[in-house]
N, C-alpha and C. Protein backbone atom coordinates (compact mmCIF):
# COMPACT_ATOMS: atom_id res chain seq x y z
N MET A 1 38.58 43.81 261.76
CA MET A 1 39.59 44.76 262.20
C MET A 1 40.26 45.47 261.02
N LEU A 2 40.46 44.73 259.93
CA LEU A 2 41.02 45.36 258.74
C LEU A 2 40.08 46.45 258.22
N ASP A 3 38.79 46.17 258.23
CA ASP A 3 37.82 47.15 257.75
C ASP A 3 37.73 48.37 258.66
N ARG A 4 38.26 48.25 259.86
CA ARG A 4 38.28 49.38 260.79
C ARG A 4 39.61 50.13 260.74
N GLY A 5 40.48 49.70 259.83
CA GLY A 5 41.72 50.46 259.62
C GLY A 5 42.94 49.94 260.34
N TYR A 6 42.83 48.81 261.02
CA TYR A 6 44.00 48.25 261.70
C TYR A 6 44.94 47.62 260.68
N LYS A 7 46.23 47.60 260.99
CA LYS A 7 47.23 47.02 260.11
C LYS A 7 47.24 45.50 260.25
N ILE A 8 47.62 44.82 259.17
CA ILE A 8 47.53 43.37 259.13
C ILE A 8 48.47 42.69 260.12
N LYS A 9 49.71 43.18 260.27
CA LYS A 9 50.68 42.47 261.12
C LYS A 9 50.26 42.41 262.58
N PRO A 10 49.84 43.52 263.19
CA PRO A 10 49.38 43.40 264.59
C PRO A 10 48.10 42.57 264.72
N ILE A 11 47.27 42.58 263.68
CA ILE A 11 46.06 41.74 263.72
C ILE A 11 46.44 40.26 263.75
N ILE A 12 47.39 39.88 262.89
CA ILE A 12 47.83 38.49 262.85
C ILE A 12 48.48 38.09 264.17
N GLU A 13 49.26 38.98 264.74
CA GLU A 13 49.90 38.68 266.02
C GLU A 13 48.86 38.50 267.12
N LEU A 14 47.87 39.40 267.15
CA LEU A 14 46.83 39.34 268.18
C LEU A 14 45.98 38.07 268.06
N THR A 15 45.45 37.84 266.85
CA THR A 15 44.59 36.67 266.66
C THR A 15 45.38 35.37 266.72
N GLY A 16 46.62 35.41 266.21
CA GLY A 16 47.46 34.22 266.24
C GLY A 16 47.79 33.81 267.66
N ASN A 17 48.10 34.78 268.51
CA ASN A 17 48.39 34.47 269.91
C ASN A 17 47.14 33.99 270.64
N HIS A 18 46.02 34.63 270.34
CA HIS A 18 44.77 34.27 271.02
C HIS A 18 44.36 32.83 270.69
N HIS A 19 44.50 32.45 269.42
CA HIS A 19 44.07 31.11 269.00
C HIS A 19 45.24 30.12 268.94
N GLN A 20 46.42 30.57 269.37
CA GLN A 20 47.62 29.72 269.40
C GLN A 20 47.90 29.10 268.03
N LEU A 21 47.89 29.94 267.02
CA LEU A 21 48.14 29.47 265.66
C LEU A 21 49.63 29.28 265.41
N SER A 22 49.95 28.28 264.62
CA SER A 22 51.35 28.05 264.23
C SER A 22 51.81 29.15 263.28
N ALA A 23 53.11 29.23 263.08
CA ALA A 23 53.66 30.25 262.17
C ALA A 23 53.13 30.04 260.76
N ARG A 24 53.03 28.79 260.33
CA ARG A 24 52.54 28.49 258.98
C ARG A 24 51.07 28.89 258.83
N THR A 25 50.27 28.65 259.86
CA THR A 25 48.86 29.03 259.80
C THR A 25 48.71 30.54 259.78
N ARG A 26 49.54 31.23 260.54
CA ARG A 26 49.50 32.71 260.54
C ARG A 26 49.83 33.25 259.15
N THR A 27 50.82 32.63 258.50
CA THR A 27 51.17 33.04 257.13
C THR A 27 49.99 32.82 256.19
N ALA A 28 49.31 31.69 256.34
CA ALA A 28 48.15 31.39 255.50
C ALA A 28 47.06 32.43 255.67
N VAL A 29 46.77 32.77 256.91
CA VAL A 29 45.74 33.78 257.18
C VAL A 29 46.13 35.12 256.61
N GLN A 30 47.39 35.51 256.81
CA GLN A 30 47.84 36.82 256.34
C GLN A 30 47.79 36.91 254.82
N ARG A 31 48.16 35.83 254.12
CA ARG A 31 48.22 35.88 252.66
C ARG A 31 46.84 35.85 252.00
N THR A 32 45.83 35.41 252.72
CA THR A 32 44.50 35.27 252.10
C THR A 32 43.49 36.28 252.62
N THR A 33 43.92 37.14 253.52
CA THR A 33 42.99 38.09 254.14
C THR A 33 43.23 39.49 253.61
N SER A 34 42.15 40.21 253.38
CA SER A 34 42.25 41.61 252.96
C SER A 34 41.01 42.34 253.43
N SER A 35 41.10 43.63 253.47
CA SER A 35 39.93 44.41 253.84
C SER A 35 38.90 44.32 252.72
N SER A 36 37.67 44.60 253.04
CA SER A 36 36.61 44.56 252.03
C SER A 36 36.90 45.53 250.90
N ALA A 37 37.43 46.69 251.26
CA ALA A 37 37.72 47.71 250.25
C ALA A 37 38.83 47.26 249.31
N ASP A 38 39.89 46.70 249.88
CA ASP A 38 41.00 46.22 249.04
C ASP A 38 40.56 45.07 248.14
N CYS A 39 39.74 44.19 248.70
CA CYS A 39 39.24 43.05 247.93
C CYS A 39 38.42 43.51 246.74
N GLU A 40 37.53 44.44 246.95
CA GLU A 40 36.69 44.96 245.88
C GLU A 40 37.51 45.73 244.85
N LYS A 41 38.51 46.46 245.33
CA LYS A 41 39.38 47.21 244.42
C LYS A 41 40.13 46.26 243.49
N ARG A 42 40.66 45.17 244.05
CA ARG A 42 41.38 44.20 243.22
C ARG A 42 40.45 43.58 242.19
N LYS A 43 39.26 43.20 242.61
CA LYS A 43 38.30 42.58 241.69
C LYS A 43 37.91 43.54 240.57
N SER A 44 37.81 44.82 240.89
CA SER A 44 37.41 45.81 239.88
C SER A 44 38.48 46.00 238.82
N LYS A 45 39.73 45.69 239.16
CA LYS A 45 40.85 45.86 238.22
C LYS A 45 41.19 44.57 237.48
N MET A 46 40.54 43.48 237.84
CA MET A 46 40.83 42.21 237.18
C MET A 46 40.17 42.17 235.81
N LEU A 47 40.97 41.88 234.78
CA LEU A 47 40.47 41.84 233.42
C LEU A 47 40.01 40.44 233.06
N SER A 48 38.96 40.36 232.26
CA SER A 48 38.54 39.07 231.73
C SER A 48 39.64 38.51 230.83
N LEU A 49 39.84 37.22 230.87
CA LEU A 49 40.89 36.60 230.07
C LEU A 49 40.63 36.69 228.57
N LYS A 50 39.42 37.05 228.18
CA LYS A 50 39.15 37.23 226.75
C LYS A 50 39.92 38.42 226.18
N TYR A 51 40.40 39.30 227.08
CA TYR A 51 41.18 40.46 226.63
C TYR A 51 42.68 40.19 226.62
N ALA A 52 43.07 38.98 226.99
CA ALA A 52 44.49 38.66 227.04
C ALA A 52 45.14 38.75 225.65
N LYS A 53 44.36 38.51 224.61
CA LYS A 53 44.90 38.50 223.25
C LYS A 53 45.15 39.91 222.71
N GLU A 54 44.76 40.92 223.47
CA GLU A 54 44.83 42.29 222.95
C GLU A 54 46.15 43.00 223.21
N GLY A 55 47.14 42.27 223.71
CA GLY A 55 48.43 42.91 223.94
C GLY A 55 49.34 42.05 224.78
N CYS A 56 50.45 42.62 225.19
CA CYS A 56 51.46 41.91 225.97
C CYS A 56 50.99 41.70 227.41
N LEU A 57 51.33 40.55 227.98
CA LEU A 57 51.11 40.30 229.40
C LEU A 57 52.45 40.44 230.12
N PHE A 58 52.42 41.08 231.27
CA PHE A 58 53.62 41.31 232.04
C PHE A 58 53.56 40.43 233.29
N ILE A 59 54.42 39.42 233.33
CA ILE A 59 54.28 38.33 234.29
C ILE A 59 55.29 38.41 235.42
N ASP A 60 54.79 38.33 236.62
CA ASP A 60 55.61 38.19 237.82
C ASP A 60 56.10 36.74 237.83
N GLY A 61 57.28 36.52 237.26
CA GLY A 61 57.73 35.19 236.93
C GLY A 61 57.79 34.21 238.09
N PHE A 62 58.52 34.55 239.14
CA PHE A 62 58.62 33.65 240.27
C PHE A 62 57.25 33.39 240.90
N ASN A 63 56.44 34.42 240.99
CA ASN A 63 55.12 34.28 241.62
C ASN A 63 54.27 33.25 240.89
N LEU A 64 54.19 33.36 239.57
CA LEU A 64 53.36 32.44 238.79
C LEU A 64 53.94 31.04 238.75
N ILE A 65 55.23 30.93 238.48
CA ILE A 65 55.85 29.62 238.30
C ILE A 65 55.85 28.83 239.61
N ILE A 66 56.21 29.46 240.72
CA ILE A 66 56.22 28.76 242.00
C ILE A 66 54.81 28.33 242.38
N ASN A 67 53.83 29.18 242.11
CA ASN A 67 52.43 28.84 242.40
C ASN A 67 52.04 27.54 241.70
N LEU A 68 52.42 27.41 240.44
CA LEU A 68 52.09 26.21 239.67
C LEU A 68 52.93 25.01 240.11
N GLU A 69 54.20 25.24 240.46
CA GLU A 69 55.03 24.16 240.97
C GLU A 69 54.44 23.57 242.24
N VAL A 70 53.95 24.44 243.11
CA VAL A 70 53.33 24.00 244.36
C VAL A 70 52.09 23.16 244.07
N ALA A 71 51.26 23.64 243.14
CA ALA A 71 50.05 22.89 242.78
C ALA A 71 50.40 21.52 242.20
N LEU A 72 51.40 21.47 241.35
CA LEU A 72 51.81 20.21 240.71
C LEU A 72 52.45 19.25 241.71
N SER A 73 53.01 19.79 242.78
CA SER A 73 53.68 18.97 243.79
C SER A 73 52.72 18.42 244.83
N GLY A 74 51.46 18.82 244.77
CA GLY A 74 50.48 18.34 245.73
C GLY A 74 50.48 19.08 247.04
N SER A 75 51.17 20.20 247.10
CA SER A 75 51.16 21.03 248.30
C SER A 75 49.98 21.99 248.23
N PRO A 76 49.56 22.53 249.38
CA PRO A 76 48.33 23.33 249.39
C PRO A 76 48.46 24.69 248.74
N LEU A 77 47.39 25.08 248.05
CA LEU A 77 47.19 26.45 247.58
C LEU A 77 46.01 27.02 248.35
N LEU A 78 46.08 28.30 248.64
CA LEU A 78 45.04 28.97 249.41
C LEU A 78 44.24 29.88 248.50
N LEU A 79 42.93 29.72 248.49
CA LEU A 79 42.06 30.58 247.71
C LEU A 79 41.57 31.69 248.62
N GLY A 80 42.01 32.92 248.33
CA GLY A 80 41.71 34.05 249.19
C GLY A 80 40.39 34.73 248.87
N GLN A 81 40.09 35.74 249.65
CA GLN A 81 38.84 36.49 249.49
C GLN A 81 38.75 37.18 248.15
N ASP A 82 39.91 37.49 247.56
CA ASP A 82 39.93 38.20 246.27
C ASP A 82 39.91 37.24 245.08
N GLY A 83 39.77 35.93 245.34
CA GLY A 83 39.72 34.95 244.26
C GLY A 83 41.07 34.54 243.73
N VAL A 84 42.15 34.90 244.43
CA VAL A 84 43.51 34.61 243.99
C VAL A 84 44.05 33.39 244.73
N LEU A 85 44.75 32.52 244.00
CA LEU A 85 45.41 31.37 244.60
C LEU A 85 46.82 31.77 245.06
N ARG A 86 47.13 31.45 246.30
CA ARG A 86 48.46 31.76 246.83
C ARG A 86 49.05 30.52 247.49
N ASP A 87 50.36 30.44 247.45
CA ASP A 87 51.05 29.29 248.05
C ASP A 87 51.71 29.71 249.35
N LEU A 88 52.24 28.73 250.04
CA LEU A 88 52.95 28.98 251.30
C LEU A 88 54.45 28.75 251.14
N ALA A 89 54.92 28.65 249.90
CA ALA A 89 56.31 28.30 249.66
C ALA A 89 57.26 29.37 250.19
N GLY A 90 57.00 30.62 249.83
CA GLY A 90 57.88 31.70 250.30
C GLY A 90 59.22 31.67 249.57
N LEU A 91 59.57 32.76 248.92
CA LEU A 91 60.78 32.81 248.12
C LEU A 91 62.03 33.01 248.99
N ARG A 92 62.04 34.03 249.79
CA ARG A 92 63.12 34.33 250.75
C ARG A 92 64.50 34.35 250.09
N GLY A 93 64.56 34.80 248.87
CA GLY A 93 65.84 34.99 248.20
C GLY A 93 66.46 33.75 247.58
N THR A 94 65.81 32.59 247.74
CA THR A 94 66.38 31.36 247.19
C THR A 94 65.34 30.66 246.31
N TYR A 95 65.83 30.06 245.24
CA TYR A 95 64.95 29.31 244.33
C TYR A 95 65.79 28.26 243.63
N LYS A 96 65.22 27.08 243.43
CA LYS A 96 65.86 26.02 242.65
C LYS A 96 64.87 25.47 241.65
N LEU A 97 65.33 25.23 240.44
CA LEU A 97 64.50 24.55 239.46
C LEU A 97 64.26 23.11 239.95
N ILE A 98 63.03 22.64 239.82
CA ILE A 98 62.69 21.30 240.27
C ILE A 98 62.08 20.51 239.11
N ASP A 99 61.69 19.28 239.40
CA ASP A 99 61.14 18.44 238.33
C ASP A 99 59.79 18.93 237.83
N LYS A 100 59.15 19.84 238.57
CA LYS A 100 57.86 20.39 238.15
C LYS A 100 57.99 21.69 237.36
N THR A 101 59.20 22.23 237.29
CA THR A 101 59.38 23.54 236.63
C THR A 101 59.01 23.48 235.15
N ASP A 102 59.53 22.50 234.44
CA ASP A 102 59.23 22.39 233.01
C ASP A 102 57.75 22.16 232.75
N ILE A 103 57.11 21.37 233.63
CA ILE A 103 55.67 21.14 233.47
C ILE A 103 54.90 22.44 233.67
N ALA A 104 55.29 23.21 234.68
CA ALA A 104 54.65 24.50 234.93
C ALA A 104 54.79 25.41 233.72
N LEU A 105 55.99 25.46 233.15
CA LEU A 105 56.22 26.30 231.98
C LEU A 105 55.42 25.80 230.77
N GLU A 106 55.32 24.49 230.63
CA GLU A 106 54.53 23.91 229.54
C GLU A 106 53.06 24.34 229.65
N LEU A 107 52.52 24.33 230.87
CA LEU A 107 51.12 24.71 231.08
C LEU A 107 50.92 26.21 230.84
N ILE A 108 51.92 27.00 231.21
CA ILE A 108 51.84 28.44 230.93
C ILE A 108 51.78 28.67 229.42
N GLY A 109 52.69 28.03 228.70
CA GLY A 109 52.72 28.18 227.25
C GLY A 109 51.45 27.69 226.58
N LYS A 110 50.93 26.57 227.05
CA LYS A 110 49.70 26.01 226.48
C LYS A 110 48.53 26.98 226.68
N THR A 111 48.47 27.59 227.84
CA THR A 111 47.37 28.52 228.15
C THR A 111 47.52 29.82 227.36
N LEU A 112 48.74 30.31 227.25
CA LEU A 112 48.96 31.54 226.47
C LEU A 112 48.55 31.34 225.02
N LYS A 113 48.89 30.18 224.48
CA LYS A 113 48.52 29.86 223.10
C LYS A 113 47.02 29.75 222.95
N GLU A 114 46.38 29.10 223.92
CA GLU A 114 44.93 28.96 223.91
C GLU A 114 44.23 30.31 223.95
N LEU A 115 44.82 31.26 224.68
CA LEU A 115 44.23 32.60 224.81
C LEU A 115 44.65 33.54 223.69
N SER A 116 45.47 33.03 222.76
CA SER A 116 45.97 33.82 221.62
C SER A 116 46.74 35.06 222.05
N VAL A 117 47.51 34.91 223.13
CA VAL A 117 48.33 36.02 223.61
C VAL A 117 49.49 36.23 222.65
N PRO A 118 49.69 37.46 222.14
CA PRO A 118 50.73 37.68 221.15
C PRO A 118 52.14 37.75 221.73
N MET A 119 52.24 38.21 223.00
CA MET A 119 53.56 38.43 223.58
C MET A 119 53.46 38.44 225.09
N VAL A 120 54.50 37.94 225.75
CA VAL A 120 54.59 38.03 227.21
C VAL A 120 55.99 38.49 227.59
N LYS A 121 56.05 39.16 228.73
CA LYS A 121 57.34 39.56 229.28
C LYS A 121 57.40 39.12 230.73
N PHE A 122 58.33 38.21 231.02
CA PHE A 122 58.53 37.74 232.39
C PHE A 122 59.51 38.67 233.10
N TYR A 123 59.18 39.00 234.33
CA TYR A 123 60.10 39.74 235.19
C TYR A 123 60.54 38.82 236.33
N LEU A 124 61.85 38.69 236.51
CA LEU A 124 62.40 37.87 237.58
C LEU A 124 63.28 38.73 238.48
N ASP A 125 63.18 38.50 239.78
CA ASP A 125 64.00 39.24 240.74
C ASP A 125 65.46 38.77 240.63
N SER A 126 66.33 39.65 240.19
CA SER A 126 67.73 39.27 239.97
C SER A 126 68.48 38.84 241.23
N PRO A 127 68.15 39.37 242.43
CA PRO A 127 68.88 38.92 243.62
C PRO A 127 68.57 37.48 244.03
N VAL A 128 67.48 36.91 243.50
CA VAL A 128 67.09 35.55 243.88
C VAL A 128 68.01 34.54 243.21
N SER A 129 68.47 33.57 243.97
CA SER A 129 69.37 32.56 243.42
C SER A 129 68.72 31.80 242.27
N ASN A 130 69.53 31.49 241.27
CA ASN A 130 69.11 30.73 240.08
C ASN A 130 68.12 31.48 239.18
N SER A 131 68.01 32.79 239.37
CA SER A 131 67.13 33.56 238.48
C SER A 131 67.64 33.52 237.05
N GLY A 132 68.96 33.51 236.88
CA GLY A 132 69.53 33.41 235.53
C GLY A 132 69.23 32.06 234.89
N ARG A 133 69.30 31.00 235.68
CA ARG A 133 68.99 29.66 235.15
C ARG A 133 67.51 29.57 234.76
N LEU A 134 66.65 30.15 235.57
CA LEU A 134 65.22 30.12 235.23
C LEU A 134 64.96 30.93 233.96
N LYS A 135 65.65 32.05 233.81
CA LYS A 135 65.52 32.84 232.58
C LYS A 135 65.85 31.99 231.36
N SER A 136 66.96 31.29 231.43
CA SER A 136 67.37 30.44 230.31
C SER A 136 66.35 29.34 230.05
N ARG A 137 65.81 28.78 231.13
CA ARG A 137 64.85 27.68 230.98
C ARG A 137 63.55 28.18 230.35
N ILE A 138 63.12 29.38 230.72
CA ILE A 138 61.91 29.96 230.12
C ILE A 138 62.11 30.10 228.60
N PHE A 139 63.28 30.62 228.19
CA PHE A 139 63.55 30.78 226.77
C PHE A 139 63.56 29.42 226.06
N GLU A 140 64.16 28.42 226.68
CA GLU A 140 64.22 27.09 226.06
C GLU A 140 62.83 26.50 225.87
N CYS A 141 62.03 26.56 226.91
CA CYS A 141 60.68 25.97 226.85
C CYS A 141 59.76 26.76 225.92
N SER A 142 59.94 28.06 225.87
CA SER A 142 59.02 28.92 225.11
C SER A 142 59.21 28.82 223.61
N GLU A 143 60.25 28.12 223.17
CA GLU A 143 60.46 27.95 221.72
C GLU A 143 59.30 27.22 221.07
N LEU A 144 58.56 26.45 221.86
CA LEU A 144 57.44 25.67 221.33
C LEU A 144 56.09 26.37 221.53
N TRP A 145 56.08 27.54 222.13
CA TRP A 145 54.81 28.18 222.49
C TRP A 145 54.12 28.89 221.34
N GLY A 146 54.89 29.39 220.39
CA GLY A 146 54.30 30.21 219.35
C GLY A 146 53.91 31.59 219.85
N VAL A 147 54.58 32.03 220.90
CA VAL A 147 54.32 33.34 221.52
C VAL A 147 55.65 34.06 221.66
N ALA A 148 55.68 35.35 221.36
CA ALA A 148 56.89 36.13 221.56
C ALA A 148 57.15 36.27 223.06
N VAL A 149 58.37 35.95 223.48
CA VAL A 149 58.69 35.94 224.91
C VAL A 149 59.93 36.77 225.19
N GLU A 150 59.84 37.61 226.21
CA GLU A 150 60.99 38.33 226.74
C GLU A 150 61.11 37.99 228.22
N VAL A 151 62.32 37.98 228.73
CA VAL A 151 62.57 37.75 230.15
C VAL A 151 63.57 38.80 230.63
N GLU A 152 63.22 39.50 231.69
CA GLU A 152 64.10 40.54 232.21
C GLU A 152 64.38 40.29 233.69
N LEU A 153 65.65 40.35 234.04
CA LEU A 153 66.07 40.26 235.44
C LEU A 153 66.21 41.67 235.99
N ILE A 154 65.47 41.98 237.04
CA ILE A 154 65.51 43.31 237.63
C ILE A 154 65.60 43.19 239.15
N PRO A 155 66.11 44.21 239.84
CA PRO A 155 66.30 44.13 241.28
C PRO A 155 65.00 44.04 242.08
N ASN A 156 63.96 44.69 241.61
CA ASN A 156 62.73 44.76 242.40
C ASN A 156 61.51 44.65 241.49
N VAL A 157 61.01 43.44 241.32
CA VAL A 157 59.87 43.22 240.43
C VAL A 157 58.63 43.93 240.95
N ASP A 158 58.38 43.86 242.24
CA ASP A 158 57.18 44.49 242.82
C ASP A 158 57.12 45.97 242.46
N GLY A 159 58.24 46.66 242.59
CA GLY A 159 58.27 48.09 242.34
C GLY A 159 57.96 48.46 240.91
N VAL A 160 58.34 47.59 239.97
CA VAL A 160 58.08 47.86 238.54
C VAL A 160 56.63 47.52 238.17
N LEU A 161 56.19 46.33 238.51
CA LEU A 161 54.86 45.88 238.12
C LEU A 161 53.74 46.67 238.80
N SER A 162 54.02 47.22 239.94
CA SER A 162 52.99 47.96 240.69
C SER A 162 52.47 49.17 239.92
N HIS A 163 53.22 49.63 238.94
CA HIS A 163 52.81 50.83 238.19
C HIS A 163 52.30 50.49 236.78
N MET A 164 52.12 49.20 236.50
CA MET A 164 51.79 48.81 235.14
C MET A 164 50.38 48.24 235.03
N GLU A 165 49.98 47.93 233.81
CA GLU A 165 48.70 47.30 233.53
C GLU A 165 48.93 45.95 232.86
N ARG A 166 47.87 45.13 232.81
CA ARG A 166 47.93 43.81 232.18
C ARG A 166 48.97 42.92 232.87
N ILE A 167 48.93 42.93 234.20
CA ILE A 167 49.88 42.19 235.02
C ILE A 167 49.35 40.78 235.29
N VAL A 168 50.27 39.84 235.45
CA VAL A 168 49.93 38.50 235.94
C VAL A 168 50.69 38.27 237.23
N THR A 169 49.98 38.21 238.34
CA THR A 169 50.59 38.00 239.65
C THR A 169 49.52 37.64 240.66
N GLY A 170 49.96 37.12 241.81
CA GLY A 170 49.06 36.92 242.94
C GLY A 170 49.54 37.71 244.14
N ASP A 171 50.54 38.55 243.92
CA ASP A 171 51.14 39.35 244.99
C ASP A 171 50.20 40.49 245.37
N SER A 172 49.79 40.51 246.63
CA SER A 172 48.81 41.50 247.09
C SER A 172 49.31 42.93 246.93
N ILE A 173 50.60 43.14 247.18
CA ILE A 173 51.16 44.48 247.08
C ILE A 173 51.02 45.01 245.65
N ILE A 174 51.33 44.15 244.68
CA ILE A 174 51.22 44.56 243.28
C ILE A 174 49.76 44.74 242.89
N LEU A 175 48.90 43.81 243.31
CA LEU A 175 47.49 43.88 242.95
C LEU A 175 46.83 45.16 243.48
N ASP A 176 47.27 45.61 244.63
CA ASP A 176 46.69 46.83 245.20
C ASP A 176 47.09 48.08 244.43
N GLU A 177 48.25 48.04 243.76
CA GLU A 177 48.77 49.25 243.13
C GLU A 177 48.69 49.25 241.61
N CYS A 178 48.68 48.08 240.97
CA CYS A 178 48.72 48.03 239.51
C CYS A 178 47.42 48.56 238.89
N LYS A 179 47.47 48.83 237.60
CA LYS A 179 46.30 49.39 236.91
C LYS A 179 45.31 48.31 236.49
N SER A 180 45.80 47.13 236.13
CA SER A 180 44.92 46.02 235.76
C SER A 180 45.71 44.72 235.79
N TRP A 181 44.99 43.60 235.92
CA TRP A 181 45.68 42.31 236.04
C TRP A 181 44.80 41.17 235.55
N PHE A 182 45.46 40.04 235.29
CA PHE A 182 44.77 38.81 234.87
C PHE A 182 45.00 37.72 235.91
N ASN A 183 43.96 36.96 236.20
CA ASN A 183 44.07 35.86 237.17
C ASN A 183 44.45 34.58 236.42
N LEU A 184 45.64 34.58 235.85
CA LEU A 184 46.08 33.49 234.98
C LEU A 184 46.36 32.20 235.74
N SER A 185 46.95 32.31 236.91
CA SER A 185 47.27 31.11 237.68
C SER A 185 46.04 30.28 237.99
N LYS A 186 44.96 30.93 238.38
CA LYS A 186 43.74 30.19 238.71
C LYS A 186 43.19 29.47 237.49
N LYS A 187 43.26 30.11 236.32
CA LYS A 187 42.79 29.45 235.10
C LYS A 187 43.61 28.20 234.82
N ILE A 188 44.92 28.31 234.94
CA ILE A 188 45.78 27.17 234.64
C ILE A 188 45.51 26.02 235.61
N VAL A 189 45.39 26.34 236.89
CA VAL A 189 45.12 25.31 237.89
C VAL A 189 43.75 24.68 237.65
N ASP A 190 42.74 25.51 237.42
CA ASP A 190 41.39 25.00 237.19
C ASP A 190 41.32 24.11 235.95
N ASP A 191 42.05 24.50 234.90
CA ASP A 191 41.96 23.78 233.62
C ASP A 191 42.84 22.53 233.55
N TYR A 192 44.02 22.58 234.18
CA TYR A 192 45.00 21.54 233.90
C TYR A 192 45.55 20.81 235.13
N ILE A 193 45.27 21.31 236.34
CA ILE A 193 45.78 20.61 237.53
C ILE A 193 44.56 20.24 238.37
N LYS A 194 43.83 19.26 237.89
CA LYS A 194 42.53 18.92 238.47
C LYS A 194 42.63 18.41 239.91
N ASP A 195 43.77 17.81 240.24
CA ASP A 195 43.92 17.26 241.59
C ASP A 195 44.63 18.21 242.54
N ALA A 196 44.71 19.49 242.16
CA ALA A 196 45.37 20.47 243.03
C ALA A 196 44.68 20.54 244.39
N TRP A 197 45.47 20.66 245.43
CA TRP A 197 44.96 20.76 246.79
C TRP A 197 44.69 22.23 247.09
N ILE A 198 43.44 22.61 247.02
CA ILE A 198 43.05 24.01 247.23
C ILE A 198 42.26 24.13 248.53
N ILE A 199 42.77 24.96 249.42
CA ILE A 199 42.07 25.26 250.67
C ILE A 199 41.30 26.55 250.46
N ASP A 200 39.99 26.44 250.45
CA ASP A 200 39.14 27.57 250.11
C ASP A 200 38.90 28.43 251.36
N LEU A 201 39.59 29.57 251.42
CA LEU A 201 39.40 30.54 252.49
C LEU A 201 38.63 31.75 251.97
N HIS A 202 37.97 31.54 250.85
CA HIS A 202 37.16 32.58 250.22
C HIS A 202 35.97 32.86 251.09
């Protein structure tokens, strides 16, 4: 139906009602499904990680960190048609640092160093609770990374990253509009979170 031009929300409502899917299952289907054209477009813009060392990476902070926190907590990650790992956590304007936050940041720093990335810039949605605390925590943890780090709080991360290149995110809206991106979360999970619970909907 997506390939025929139908919108995702009515498709989810129709199929969800027909198969009596729970709200959580409907969210899973919606987050991992895309039209063939959108899927191919995203894949065509994905950069090999060997190019990560050639400049700054612009990171959708909450998207990446929560994804890794979910993996470290043993909750499910969904592998979509586009090869991207997505979680079911849902931000909804609230966020709290947890016992997995520092570990997630440690793995990010370890991977950036391994890839010889010279600089990263995290973007955090300022309206989200505890965004300021996460900013401070990123700076504290990144002192050991050997990578130049900037963190910016802005009202709408999606709107900014959608027009940029060398993005790190799993957000479909950004992936559809950005110029290029890196699938960093999947590398980190594959390399360092071996027991991650991945539901393959690829």
